[in-house]
Amino acid sequence: MGKQVDKDFTTALEQASQTQSKLSQKVIRVFFSSPFGGLELEREELTKKYWPQLQSLCSRHGYTFVPVDLRWGITSDLSANASTIMICLSEIDRSDIFVGFFGQ
């Protein structure tokens, strides 16, 4: 069952990316990464406060801002599965910018 969920999730990400590419050739994909189970408050502030600003800035310059945040698509069960690493690496490859959150 876990492999099917991973496959379905990967397929959904690929379809979303293809649709986005058809809509706009000027896309900036930013992959946001942090340890599972940490830095939730910081990420929440980022999504509520800064993503709208980034979207506005990109839009003013003719770009589409596409944040990639797998914390919404990867469950704790899936995070224990080795194929999750492949999903993350695939998304990193497709992204223009990588932002990593690290802390103690």
PDB file of N, CA and C in Angstrom:
ATOM      1  N   MET A   1       0.814  -1.190   0.000  1.00  0.00           N
ATOM      2  CA  MET A   1       0.000   0.000   0.000  1.00  0.00           C
ATOM      3  C   MET A   1       0.862   1.261   0.000  1.00  0.00           C
ATOM      4  N   GLY A   2       1.953   1.268   0.753  1.00  0.00           N
ATOM      5  CA  GLY A   2       2.815   2.434   0.833  1.00  0.00           C
ATOM      6  C   GLY A   2       3.411   2.805  -0.516  1.00  0.00           C
ATOM      7  N   LYS A   3       3.808   1.789  -1.306  1.00  0.00           N
ATOM      8  CA  LYS A   3       4.383   2.068  -2.622  1.00  0.00           C
ATOM      9  C   LYS A   3       3.351   2.708  -3.539  1.00  0.00           C
ATOM     10  N   GLN A   4       2.108   2.257  -3.454  1.00  0.00           N
ATOM     11  CA  GLN A   4       1.053   2.834  -4.290  1.00  0.00           C
ATOM     12  C   GLN A   4       0.796   4.288  -3.915  1.00  0.00           C
ATOM     13  N   VAL A   5       0.786   4.578  -2.619  1.00  0.00           N
ATOM     14  CA  VAL A   5       0.580   5.958  -2.171  1.00  0.00           C
ATOM     15  C   VAL A   5       1.717   6.842  -2.673  1.00  0.00           C
ATOM     16  N   ASP A   6       2.959   6.348  -2.561  1.00  0.00           N
ATOM     17  CA  ASP A   6       4.108   7.104  -3.057  1.00  0.00           C
ATOM     18  C   ASP A   6       3.988   7.350  -4.559  1.00  0.00           C
ATOM     19  N   LYS A   7       3.582   6.306  -5.290  1.00  0.00           N
ATOM     20  CA  LYS A   7       3.437   6.428  -6.739  1.00  0.00           C
ATOM     21  C   LYS A   7       2.346   7.440  -7.082  1.00  0.00           C
ATOM     22  N   ASP A   8       1.212   7.363  -6.390  1.00  0.00           N
ATOM     23  CA  ASP A   8       0.113   8.304  -6.627  1.00  0.00           C
ATOM     24  C   ASP A   8       0.544   9.732  -6.326  1.00  0.00           C
ATOM     25  N   PHE A   9       1.274   9.910  -5.236  1.00  0.00           N
ATOM     26  CA  PHE A   9       1.739  11.248  -4.850  1.00  0.00           C
ATOM     27  C   PHE A   9       2.708  11.797  -5.886  1.00  0.00           C
ATOM     28  N   THR A  10       3.636  10.960  -6.331  1.00  0.00           N
ATOM     29  CA  THR A  10       4.597  11.379  -7.346  1.00  0.00           C
ATOM     30  C   THR A  10       3.888  11.740  -8.644  1.00  0.00           C
ATOM     31  N   THR A  11       2.916  10.932  -9.041  1.00  0.00           N
ATOM     32  CA  THR A  11       2.147  11.209 -10.256  1.00  0.00           C
ATOM     33  C   THR A  11       1.411  12.535 -10.143  1.00  0.00           C
ATOM     34  N   ALA A  12       0.808  12.793  -8.991  1.00  0.00           N
ATOM     35  CA  ALA A  12       0.089  14.052  -8.781  1.00  0.00           C
ATOM     36  C   ALA A  12       1.040  15.243  -8.874  1.00  0.00           C
ATOM     37  N   LEU A  13       2.228  15.111  -8.304  1.00  0.00           N
ATOM     38  CA  LEU A  13       3.216  16.194  -8.382  1.00  0.00           C
ATOM     39  C   LEU A  13       3.648  16.444  -9.827  1.00  0.00           C
ATOM     40  N   GLU A  14       3.854  15.364 -10.581  1.00  0.00           N
ATOM     41  CA  GLU A  14       4.265  15.507 -11.980  1.00  0.00           C
ATOM     42  C   GLU A  14       3.174  16.179 -12.807  1.00  0.00           C
ATOM     43  N   GLN A  15       1.927  15.785 -12.579  1.00  0.00           N
ATOM     44  CA  GLN A  15       0.816  16.386 -13.317  1.00  0.00           C
ATOM     45  C   GLN A  15       0.672  17.866 -12.981  1.00  0.00           C
ATOM     46  N   ALA A  16       0.816  18.208 -11.708  1.00  0.00           N
ATOM     47  CA  ALA A  16       0.725  19.614 -11.303  1.00  0.00           C
ATOM     48  C   ALA A  16       1.840  20.427 -11.952  1.00  0.00           C
ATOM     49  N   SER A  17       3.026  19.852 -12.009  1.00  0.00           N
ATOM     50  CA  SER A  17       4.156  20.552 -12.612  1.00  0.00           C
ATOM     51  C   SER A  17       3.940  20.755 -14.107  1.00  0.00           C
ATOM     52  N   GLN A  18       3.433  19.732 -14.798  1.00  0.00           N
ATOM     53  CA  GLN A  18       3.180  19.846 -16.229  1.00  0.00           C
ATOM     54  C   GLN A  18       2.118  20.896 -16.511  1.00  0.00           C
ATOM     55  N   THR A  19       1.066  20.915 -15.698  1.00  0.00           N
ATOM     56  CA  THR A  19       0.012  21.913 -15.857  1.00  0.00           C
ATOM     57  C   THR A  19       0.578  23.303 -15.650  1.00  0.00           C
ATOM     58  N   GLN A  20       1.395  23.464 -14.617  1.00  0.00           N
ATOM     59  CA  GLN A  20       1.998  24.766 -14.331  1.00  0.00           C
ATOM     60  C   GLN A  20       2.890  25.204 -15.483  1.00  0.00           C
ATOM     61  N   SER A  21       3.649  24.274 -16.062  1.00  0.00           N
ATOM     62  CA  SER A  21       4.541  24.620 -17.160  1.00  0.00           C
ATOM     63  C   SER A  21       3.762  25.103 -18.375  1.00  0.00           C
ATOM     64  N   LYS A  22       2.601  24.512 -18.616  1.00  0.00           N
ATOM     65  CA  LYS A  22       1.772  24.929 -19.739  1.00  0.00           C
ATOM     66  C   LYS A  22       1.198  26.324 -19.513  1.00  0.00           C
ATOM     67  N   LEU A  23       0.904  26.656 -18.267  1.00  0.00           N
ATOM     68  CA  LEU A  23       0.305  27.948 -17.962  1.00  0.00           C
ATOM     69  C   LEU A  23       1.315  29.084 -18.045  1.00  0.00           C
ATOM     70  N   SER A  24       2.549  28.819 -17.686  1.00  0.00           N
ATOM     71  CA  SER A  24       3.546  29.885 -17.631  1.00  0.00           C
ATOM     72  C   SER A  24       4.935  29.303 -17.813  1.00  0.00           C
ATOM     73  N   GLN A  25       5.694  29.923 -18.682  1.00  0.00           N
ATOM     74  CA  GLN A  25       7.065  29.479 -18.888  1.00  0.00           C
ATOM     75  C   GLN A  25       8.014  30.106 -17.876  1.00  0.00           C
ATOM     76  N   LYS A  26       7.564  31.163 -17.217  1.00  0.00           N
ATOM     77  CA  LYS A  26       8.421  31.864 -16.262  1.00  0.00           C
ATOM     78  C   LYS A  26       7.989  31.484 -14.848  1.00  0.00           C
ATOM     79  N   VAL A  27       8.520  30.375 -14.386  1.00  0.00           N
ATOM     80  CA  VAL A  27       8.144  29.825 -13.083  1.00  0.00           C
ATOM     81  C   VAL A  27       9.383  29.742 -12.205  1.00  0.00           C
ATOM     82  N   ILE A  28       9.232  30.121 -10.958  1.00  0.00           N
ATOM     83  CA  ILE A  28      10.296  29.953  -9.970  1.00  0.00           C
ATOM     84  C   ILE A  28       9.786  28.972  -8.924  1.00  0.00           C
ATOM     85  N   ARG A  29      10.368  27.770  -8.924  1.00  0.00           N
ATOM     86  CA  ARG A  29       9.999  26.738  -7.952  1.00  0.00           C
ATOM     87  C   ARG A  29      11.002  26.785  -6.808  1.00  0.00           C
ATOM     88  N   VAL A  30      10.489  26.894  -5.592  1.00  0.00           N
ATOM     89  CA  VAL A  30      11.342  26.965  -4.405  1.00  0.00           C
ATOM     90  C   VAL A  30      10.987  25.799  -3.495  1.00  0.00           C
ATOM     91  N   PHE A  31      11.957  24.936  -3.244  1.00  0.00           N
ATOM     92  CA  PHE A  31      11.765  23.768  -2.385  1.00  0.00           C
ATOM     93  C   PHE A  31      12.145  24.152  -0.960  1.00  0.00           C
ATOM     94  N   PHE A  32      11.200  23.986  -0.045  1.00  0.00           N
ATOM     95  CA  PHE A  32      11.427  24.287   1.371  1.00  0.00           C
ATOM     96  C   PHE A  32      11.582  22.972   2.125  1.00  0.00           C
ATOM     97  N   SER A  33      12.652  22.865   2.898  1.00  0.00           N
ATOM     98  CA  SER A  33      12.959  21.613   3.577  1.00  0.00           C
ATOM     99  C   SER A  33      13.305  21.854   5.041  1.00  0.00           C
ATOM    100  N   SER A  34      12.819  20.959   5.884  1.00  0.00           N
ATOM    101  CA  SER A  34      13.199  20.957   7.299  1.00  0.00           C
ATOM    102  C   SER A  34      13.003  19.546   7.815  1.00  0.00           C
ATOM    103  N   PRO A  35      13.561  19.248   8.976  1.00  0.00           N
ATOM    104  CA  PRO A  35      13.348  17.918   9.546  1.00  0.00           C
ATOM    105  C   PRO A  35      11.860  17.684   9.800  1.00  0.00           C
ATOM    106  N   PHE A  36      11.425  16.435   9.619  1.00  0.00           N
ATOM    107  CA  PHE A  36      10.045  16.098   9.959  1.00  0.00           C
ATOM    108  C   PHE A  36       9.885  16.250  11.464  1.00  0.00           C
ATOM    109  N   GLY A  37       8.829  16.904  11.867  1.00  0.00           N
ATOM    110  CA  GLY A  37       8.564  17.059  13.296  1.00  0.00           C
ATOM    111  C   GLY A  37       9.355  18.173  13.947  1.00  0.00           C
ATOM    112  N   GLY A  38       9.670  19.199  13.200  1.00  0.00           N
ATOM    113  CA  GLY A  38      10.391  20.319  13.786  1.00  0.00           C
ATOM    114  C   GLY A  38      10.198  21.596  12.994  1.00  0.00           C
ATOM    115  N   LEU A  39      10.377  22.708  13.645  1.00  0.00           N
ATOM    116  CA  LEU A  39      10.333  24.031  13.037  1.00  0.00           C
ATOM    117  C   LEU A  39       8.972  24.388  12.431  1.00  0.00           C
ATOM    118  N   GLU A  40       7.902  23.835  12.998  1.00  0.00           N
ATOM    119  CA  GLU A  40       6.560  24.098  12.476  1.00  0.00           C
ATOM    120  C   GLU A  40       6.183  25.571  12.567  1.00  0.00           C
ATOM    121  N   LEU A  41       6.515  26.217  13.683  1.00  0.00           N
ATOM    122  CA  LEU A  41       6.151  27.629  13.849  1.00  0.00           C
ATOM    123  C   LEU A  41       6.862  28.512  12.825  1.00  0.00           C
ATOM    124  N   GLU A  42       8.128  28.226  12.578  1.00  0.00           N
ATOM    125  CA  GLU A  42       8.885  29.000  11.602  1.00  0.00           C
ATOM    126  C   GLU A  42       8.318  28.812  10.193  1.00  0.00           C
ATOM    127  N   ARG A  43       7.981  27.591   9.875  1.00  0.00           N
ATOM    128  CA  ARG A  43       7.423  27.321   8.546  1.00  0.00           C
ATOM    129  C   ARG A  43       6.045  27.947   8.396  1.00  0.00           C
ATOM    130  N   GLU A  44       5.273  27.931   9.458  1.00  0.00           N
ATOM    131  CA  GLU A  44       3.941  28.538   9.415  1.00  0.00           C
ATOM    132  C   GLU A  44       4.046  30.043   9.170  1.00  0.00           C
ATOM    133  N   GLU A  45       4.991  30.693   9.843  1.00  0.00           N
ATOM    134  CA  GLU A  45       5.198  32.127   9.623  1.00  0.00           C
ATOM    135  C   GLU A  45       5.638  32.392   8.190  1.00  0.00           C
ATOM    136  N   LEU A  46       6.501  31.550   7.694  1.00  0.00           N
ATOM    137  CA  LEU A  46       6.964  31.690   6.317  1.00  0.00           C
ATOM    138  C   LEU A  46       5.791  31.632   5.342  1.00  0.00           C
ATOM    139  N   THR A  47       4.922  30.646   5.509  1.00  0.00           N
ATOM    140  CA  THR A  47       3.819  30.484   4.563  1.00  0.00           C
ATOM    141  C   THR A  47       2.795  31.607   4.664  1.00  0.00           C
ATOM    142  N   LYS A  48       2.543  32.085   5.857  1.00  0.00           N
ATOM    143  CA  LYS A  48       1.520  33.125   6.027  1.00  0.00           C
ATOM    144  C   LYS A  48       2.037  34.536   5.764  1.00  0.00           C
ATOM    145  N   LYS A  49       3.279  34.800   6.151  1.00  0.00           N
ATOM    146  CA  LYS A  49       3.803  36.164   6.067  1.00  0.00           C
ATOM    147  C   LYS A  49       4.623  36.413   4.800  1.00  0.00           C
ATOM    148  N   TYR A  50       5.493  35.473   4.455  1.00  0.00           N
ATOM    149  CA  TYR A  50       6.459  35.737   3.394  1.00  0.00           C
ATOM    150  C   TYR A  50       6.068  35.188   2.025  1.00  0.00           C
ATOM    151  N   TRP A  51       5.357  34.061   1.976  1.00  0.00           N
ATOM    152  CA  TRP A  51       4.961  33.539   0.671  1.00  0.00           C
ATOM    153  C   TRP A  51       4.107  34.532  -0.103  1.00  0.00           C
ATOM    154  N   PRO A  52       3.120  35.179   0.514  1.00  0.00           N
ATOM    155  CA  PRO A  52       2.345  36.174  -0.249  1.00  0.00           C
ATOM    156  C   PRO A  52       3.231  37.305  -0.796  1.00  0.00           C
ATOM    157  N   GLN A  53       4.225  37.707  -0.020  1.00  0.00           N
ATOM    158  CA  GLN A  53       5.138  38.752  -0.489  1.00  0.00           C
ATOM    159  C   GLN A  53       5.971  38.259  -1.674  1.00  0.00           C
ATOM    160  N   LEU A  54       6.430  37.011  -1.586  1.00  0.00           N
ATOM    161  CA  LEU A  54       7.199  36.437  -2.689  1.00  0.00           C
ATOM    162  C   LEU A  54       6.332  36.280  -3.933  1.00  0.00           C
ATOM    163  N   GLN A  55       5.081  35.850  -3.742  1.00  0.00           N
ATOM    164  CA  GLN A  55       4.168  35.716  -4.877  1.00  0.00           C
ATOM    165  C   GLN A  55       3.949  37.065  -5.551  1.00  0.00           C
ATOM    166  N   SER A  56       3.761  38.096  -4.765  1.00  0.00           N
ATOM    167  CA  SER A  56       3.546  39.439  -5.298  1.00  0.00           C
ATOM    168  C   SER A  56       4.781  39.940  -6.046  1.00  0.00           C
ATOM    169  N   LEU A  57       5.944  39.757  -5.454  1.00  0.00           N
ATOM    170  CA  LEU A  57       7.192  40.187  -6.077  1.00  0.00           C
ATOM    171  C   LEU A  57       7.401  39.475  -7.414  1.00  0.00           C
ATOM    172  N   CYS A  58       7.224  38.169  -7.411  1.00  0.00           N
ATOM    173  CA  CYS A  58       7.398  37.396  -8.646  1.00  0.00           C
ATOM    174  C   CYS A  58       6.395  37.838  -9.707  1.00  0.00           C
ATOM    175  N   SER A  59       5.158  38.019  -9.301  1.00  0.00           N
ATOM    176  CA  SER A  59       4.104  38.426 -10.230  1.00  0.00           C
ATOM    177  C   SER A  59       4.420  39.773 -10.885  1.00  0.00           C
ATOM    178  N   ARG A  60       4.922  40.706 -10.105  1.00  0.00           N
ATOM    179  CA  ARG A  60       5.275  42.026 -10.643  1.00  0.00           C
ATOM    180  C   ARG A  60       6.350  41.938 -11.729  1.00  0.00           C
ATOM    181  N   HIS A  61       7.157  40.893 -11.665  1.00  0.00           N
ATOM    182  CA  HIS A  61       8.237  40.721 -12.637  1.00  0.00           C
ATOM    183  C   HIS A  61       7.905  39.667 -13.692  1.00  0.00           C
ATOM    184  N   GLY A  62       6.636  39.241 -13.726  1.00  0.00           N
ATOM    185  CA  GLY A  62       6.199  38.303 -14.749  1.00  0.00           C
ATOM    186  C   GLY A  62       6.500  36.843 -14.469  1.00  0.00           C
ATOM    187  N   TYR A  63       6.763  36.511 -13.222  1.00  0.00           N
ATOM    188  CA  TYR A  63       7.055  35.135 -12.843  1.00  0.00           C
ATOM    189  C   TYR A  63       5.936  34.572 -11.970  1.00  0.00           C
ATOM    190  N   THR A  64       5.856  33.259 -11.956  1.00  0.00           N
ATOM    191  CA  THR A  64       4.938  32.568 -11.063  1.00  0.00           C
ATOM    192  C   THR A  64       5.760  31.913  -9.962  1.00  0.00           C
ATOM    193  N   PHE A  65       5.439  32.212  -8.716  1.00  0.00           N
ATOM    194  CA  PHE A  65       6.115  31.628  -7.552  1.00  0.00           C
ATOM    195  C   PHE A  65       5.418  30.317  -7.201  1.00  0.00           C
ATOM    196  N   VAL A  66       6.173  29.228  -7.213  1.00  0.00           N
ATOM    197  CA  VAL A  66       5.628  27.913  -6.881  1.00  0.00           C
ATOM    198  C   VAL A  66       6.405  27.354  -5.695  1.00  0.00           C
ATOM    199  N   PRO A  67       5.843  27.476  -4.493  1.00  0.00           N
ATOM    200  CA  PRO A  67       6.512  26.881  -3.337  1.00  0.00           C
ATOM    201  C   PRO A  67       6.282  25.376  -3.311  1.00  0.00           C
ATOM    202  N   VAL A  68       7.324  24.640  -3.001  1.00  0.00           N
ATOM    203  CA  VAL A  68       7.223  23.187  -2.870  1.00  0.00           C
ATOM    204  C   VAL A  68       7.514  22.866  -1.414  1.00  0.00           C
ATOM    205  N   ASP A  69       6.485  22.418  -0.721  1.00  0.00           N
ATOM    206  CA  ASP A  69       6.603  22.120   0.708  1.00  0.00           C
ATOM    207  C   ASP A  69       5.985  20.749   0.942  1.00  0.00           C
ATOM    208  N   LEU A  70       6.817  19.735   1.013  1.00  0.00           N
ATOM    209  CA  LEU A  70       6.314  18.366   1.104  1.00  0.00           C
ATOM    210  C   LEU A  70       5.798  17.990   2.478  1.00  0.00           C
ATOM    211  N   ARG A  71       5.849  18.881   3.432  1.00  0.00           N
ATOM    212  CA  ARG A  71       5.315  18.528   4.754  1.00  0.00           C
ATOM    213  C   ARG A  71       3.817  18.269   4.669  1.00  0.00           C
ATOM    214  N   TRP A  72       3.150  18.782   3.633  1.00  0.00           N
ATOM    215  CA  TRP A  72       1.718  18.557   3.480  1.00  0.00           C
ATOM    216  C   TRP A  72       1.430  17.276   2.717  1.00  0.00           C
ATOM    217  N   GLY A  73       2.417  16.713   2.048  1.00  0.00           N
ATOM    218  CA  GLY A  73       2.174  15.521   1.247  1.00  0.00           C
ATOM    219  C   GLY A  73       2.833  14.268   1.780  1.00  0.00           C
ATOM    220  N   ILE A  74       3.728  14.412   2.710  1.00  0.00           N
ATOM    221  CA  ILE A  74       4.453  13.265   3.247  1.00  0.00           C
ATOM    222  C   ILE A  74       3.992  13.036   4.684  1.00  0.00           C
ATOM    223  N   THR A  75       3.345  11.906   4.904  1.00  0.00           N
ATOM    224  CA  THR A  75       2.902  11.563   6.255  1.00  0.00           C
ATOM    225  C   THR A  75       4.050  10.938   7.030  1.00  0.00           C
ATOM    226  N   SER A  76       3.877  10.781   8.337  1.00  0.00           N
ATOM    227  CA  SER A  76       4.932  10.161   9.143  1.00  0.00           C
ATOM    228  C   SER A  76       5.155   8.716   8.714  1.00  0.00           C
ATOM    229  N   ASP A  77       4.094   8.031   8.278  1.00  0.00           N
ATOM    230  CA  ASP A  77       4.257   6.663   7.780  1.00  0.00           C
ATOM    231  C   ASP A  77       5.110   6.647   6.515  1.00  0.00           C
ATOM    232  N   LEU A  78       4.830   7.590   5.627  1.00  0.00           N
ATOM    233  CA  LEU A  78       5.604   7.656   4.390  1.00  0.00           C
ATOM    234  C   LEU A  78       7.033   8.103   4.637  1.00  0.00           C
ATOM    235  N   SER A  79       7.236   8.936   5.646  1.00  0.00           N
ATOM    236  CA  SER A  79       8.588   9.431   5.901  1.00  0.00           C
ATOM    237  C   SER A  79       9.527   8.311   6.341  1.00  0.00           C
ATOM    238  N   ALA A  80       8.968   7.219   6.855  1.00  0.00           N
ATOM    239  CA  ALA A  80       9.783   6.076   7.256  1.00  0.00           C
ATOM    240  C   ALA A  80      10.149   5.211   6.050  1.00  0.00           C
ATOM    241  N   ASN A  81       9.514   5.446   4.923  1.00  0.00           N
ATOM    242  CA  ASN A  81       9.717   4.658   3.722  1.00  0.00           C
ATOM    243  C   ASN A  81      10.866   5.255   2.902  1.00  0.00           C
ATOM    244  N   ALA A  82      11.742   4.409   2.411  1.00  0.00           N
ATOM    245  CA  ALA A  82      12.906   4.884   1.654  1.00  0.00           C
ATOM    246  C   ALA A  82      12.515   5.597   0.364  1.00  0.00           C
ATOM    247  N   SER A  83      11.354   5.277  -0.200  1.00  0.00           N
ATOM    248  CA  SER A  83      10.962   5.931  -1.454  1.00  0.00           C
ATOM    249  C   SER A  83      10.665   7.409  -1.253  1.00  0.00           C
ATOM    250  N   THR A  84      10.403   7.820  -0.019  1.00  0.00           N
ATOM    251  CA  THR A  84      10.177   9.236   0.274  1.00  0.00           C
ATOM    252  C   THR A  84      11.408  10.056  -0.090  1.00  0.00           C
ATOM    253  N   ILE A  85      12.569   9.495   0.137  1.00  0.00           N
ATOM    254  CA  ILE A  85      13.810  10.182  -0.220  1.00  0.00           C
ATOM    255  C   ILE A  85      13.845  10.446  -1.717  1.00  0.00           C
ATOM    256  N   MET A  86      13.407   9.476  -2.504  1.00  0.00           N
ATOM    257  CA  MET A  86      13.392   9.647  -3.951  1.00  0.00           C
ATOM    258  C   MET A  86      12.411  10.740  -4.377  1.00  0.00           C
ATOM    259  N   ILE A  87      11.268  10.823  -3.704  1.00  0.00           N
ATOM    260  CA  ILE A  87      10.297  11.880  -4.003  1.00  0.00           C
ATOM    261  C   ILE A  87      10.923  13.238  -3.715  1.00  0.00           C
ATOM    262  N   CYS A  88      11.547  13.363  -2.552  1.00  0.00           N
ATOM    263  CA  CYS A  88      12.176  14.636  -2.176  1.00  0.00           C
ATOM    264  C   CYS A  88      13.295  15.011  -3.144  1.00  0.00           C
ATOM    265  N   LEU A  89      14.144  14.058  -3.493  1.00  0.00           N
ATOM    266  CA  LEU A  89      15.241  14.345  -4.416  1.00  0.00           C
ATOM    267  C   LEU A  89      14.722  14.749  -5.791  1.00  0.00           C
ATOM    268  N   SER A  90      13.658  14.110  -6.227  1.00  0.00           N
ATOM    269  CA  SER A  90      13.047  14.466  -7.507  1.00  0.00           C
ATOM    270  C   SER A  90      12.527  15.902  -7.490  1.00  0.00           C
ATOM    271  N   GLU A  91      11.875  16.270  -6.400  1.00  0.00           N
ATOM    272  CA  GLU A  91      11.355  17.638  -6.281  1.00  0.00           C
ATOM    273  C   GLU A  91      12.482  18.666  -6.179  1.00  0.00           C
ATOM    274  N   ILE A  92      13.562  18.305  -5.505  1.00  0.00           N
ATOM    275  CA  ILE A  92      14.717  19.207  -5.429  1.00  0.00           C
ATOM    276  C   ILE A  92      15.289  19.428  -6.826  1.00  0.00           C
ATOM    277  N   ASP A  93      15.402  18.355  -7.610  1.00  0.00           N
ATOM    278  CA  ASP A  93      15.915  18.474  -8.978  1.00  0.00           C
ATOM    279  C   ASP A  93      15.056  19.400  -9.834  1.00  0.00           C
ATOM    280  N   ARG A  94      13.760  19.373  -9.619  1.00  0.00           N
ATOM    281  CA  ARG A  94      12.838  20.185 -10.417  1.00  0.00           C
ATOM    282  C   ARG A  94      12.758  21.628  -9.936  1.00  0.00           C
ATOM    283  N   SER A  95      13.283  21.907  -8.766  1.00  0.00           N
ATOM    284  CA  SER A  95      13.179  23.251  -8.190  1.00  0.00           C
ATOM    285  C   SER A  95      14.367  24.121  -8.586  1.00  0.00           C
ATOM    286  N   ASP A  96      14.107  25.423  -8.615  1.00  0.00           N
ATOM    287  CA  ASP A  96      15.154  26.388  -8.949  1.00  0.00           C
ATOM    288  C   ASP A  96      15.967  26.800  -7.727  1.00  0.00           C
ATOM    289  N   ILE A  97      15.312  26.791  -6.563  1.00  0.00           N
ATOM    290  CA  ILE A  97      15.937  27.255  -5.323  1.00  0.00           C
ATOM    291  C   ILE A  97      15.630  26.253  -4.215  1.00  0.00           C
ATOM    292  N   PHE A  98      16.603  26.007  -3.361  1.00  0.00           N
ATOM    293  CA  PHE A  98      16.437  25.127  -2.201  1.00  0.00           C
ATOM    294  C   PHE A  98      16.615  25.970  -0.941  1.00  0.00           C
ATOM    295  N   VAL A  99      15.628  25.912  -0.044  1.00  0.00           N
ATOM    296  CA  VAL A  99      15.709  26.613   1.237  1.00  0.00           C
ATOM    297  C   VAL A  99      15.637  25.560   2.333  1.00  0.00           C
ATOM    298  N   GLY A 100      16.682  25.468   3.136  1.00  0.00           N
ATOM    299  CA  GLY A 100      16.717  24.492   4.224  1.00  0.00           C
ATOM    300  C   GLY A 100      16.590  25.166   5.576  1.00  0.00           C
ATOM    301  N   PHE A 101      15.764  24.587   6.434  1.00  0.00           N
ATOM    302  CA  PHE A 101      15.590  25.072   7.805  1.00  0.00           C
ATOM    303  C   PHE A 101      16.309  24.100   8.730  1.00  0.00           C
ATOM    304  N   PHE A 102      17.187  24.625   9.547  1.00  0.00           N
ATOM    305  CA  PHE A 102      17.922  23.788  10.481  1.00  0.00           C
ATOM    306  C   PHE A 102      17.880  24.439  11.852  1.00  0.00           C
ATOM    307  N   GLY A 103      17.826  23.647  12.885  1.00  0.00           N
ATOM    308  CA  GLY A 103      17.790  24.208  14.229  1.00  0.00           C
ATOM    309  C   GLY A 103      17.986  23.128  15.271  1.00  0.00           C
ATOM    310  N   GLN A 104      17.936  23.552  16.519  1.00  0.00           N
ATOM    311  CA  GLN A 104      18.096  22.609  17.624  1.00  0.00           C
ATOM    312  C   GLN A 104      16.880  22.651  18.503  1.00  0.00           C
TER     313      GLN A 104
END
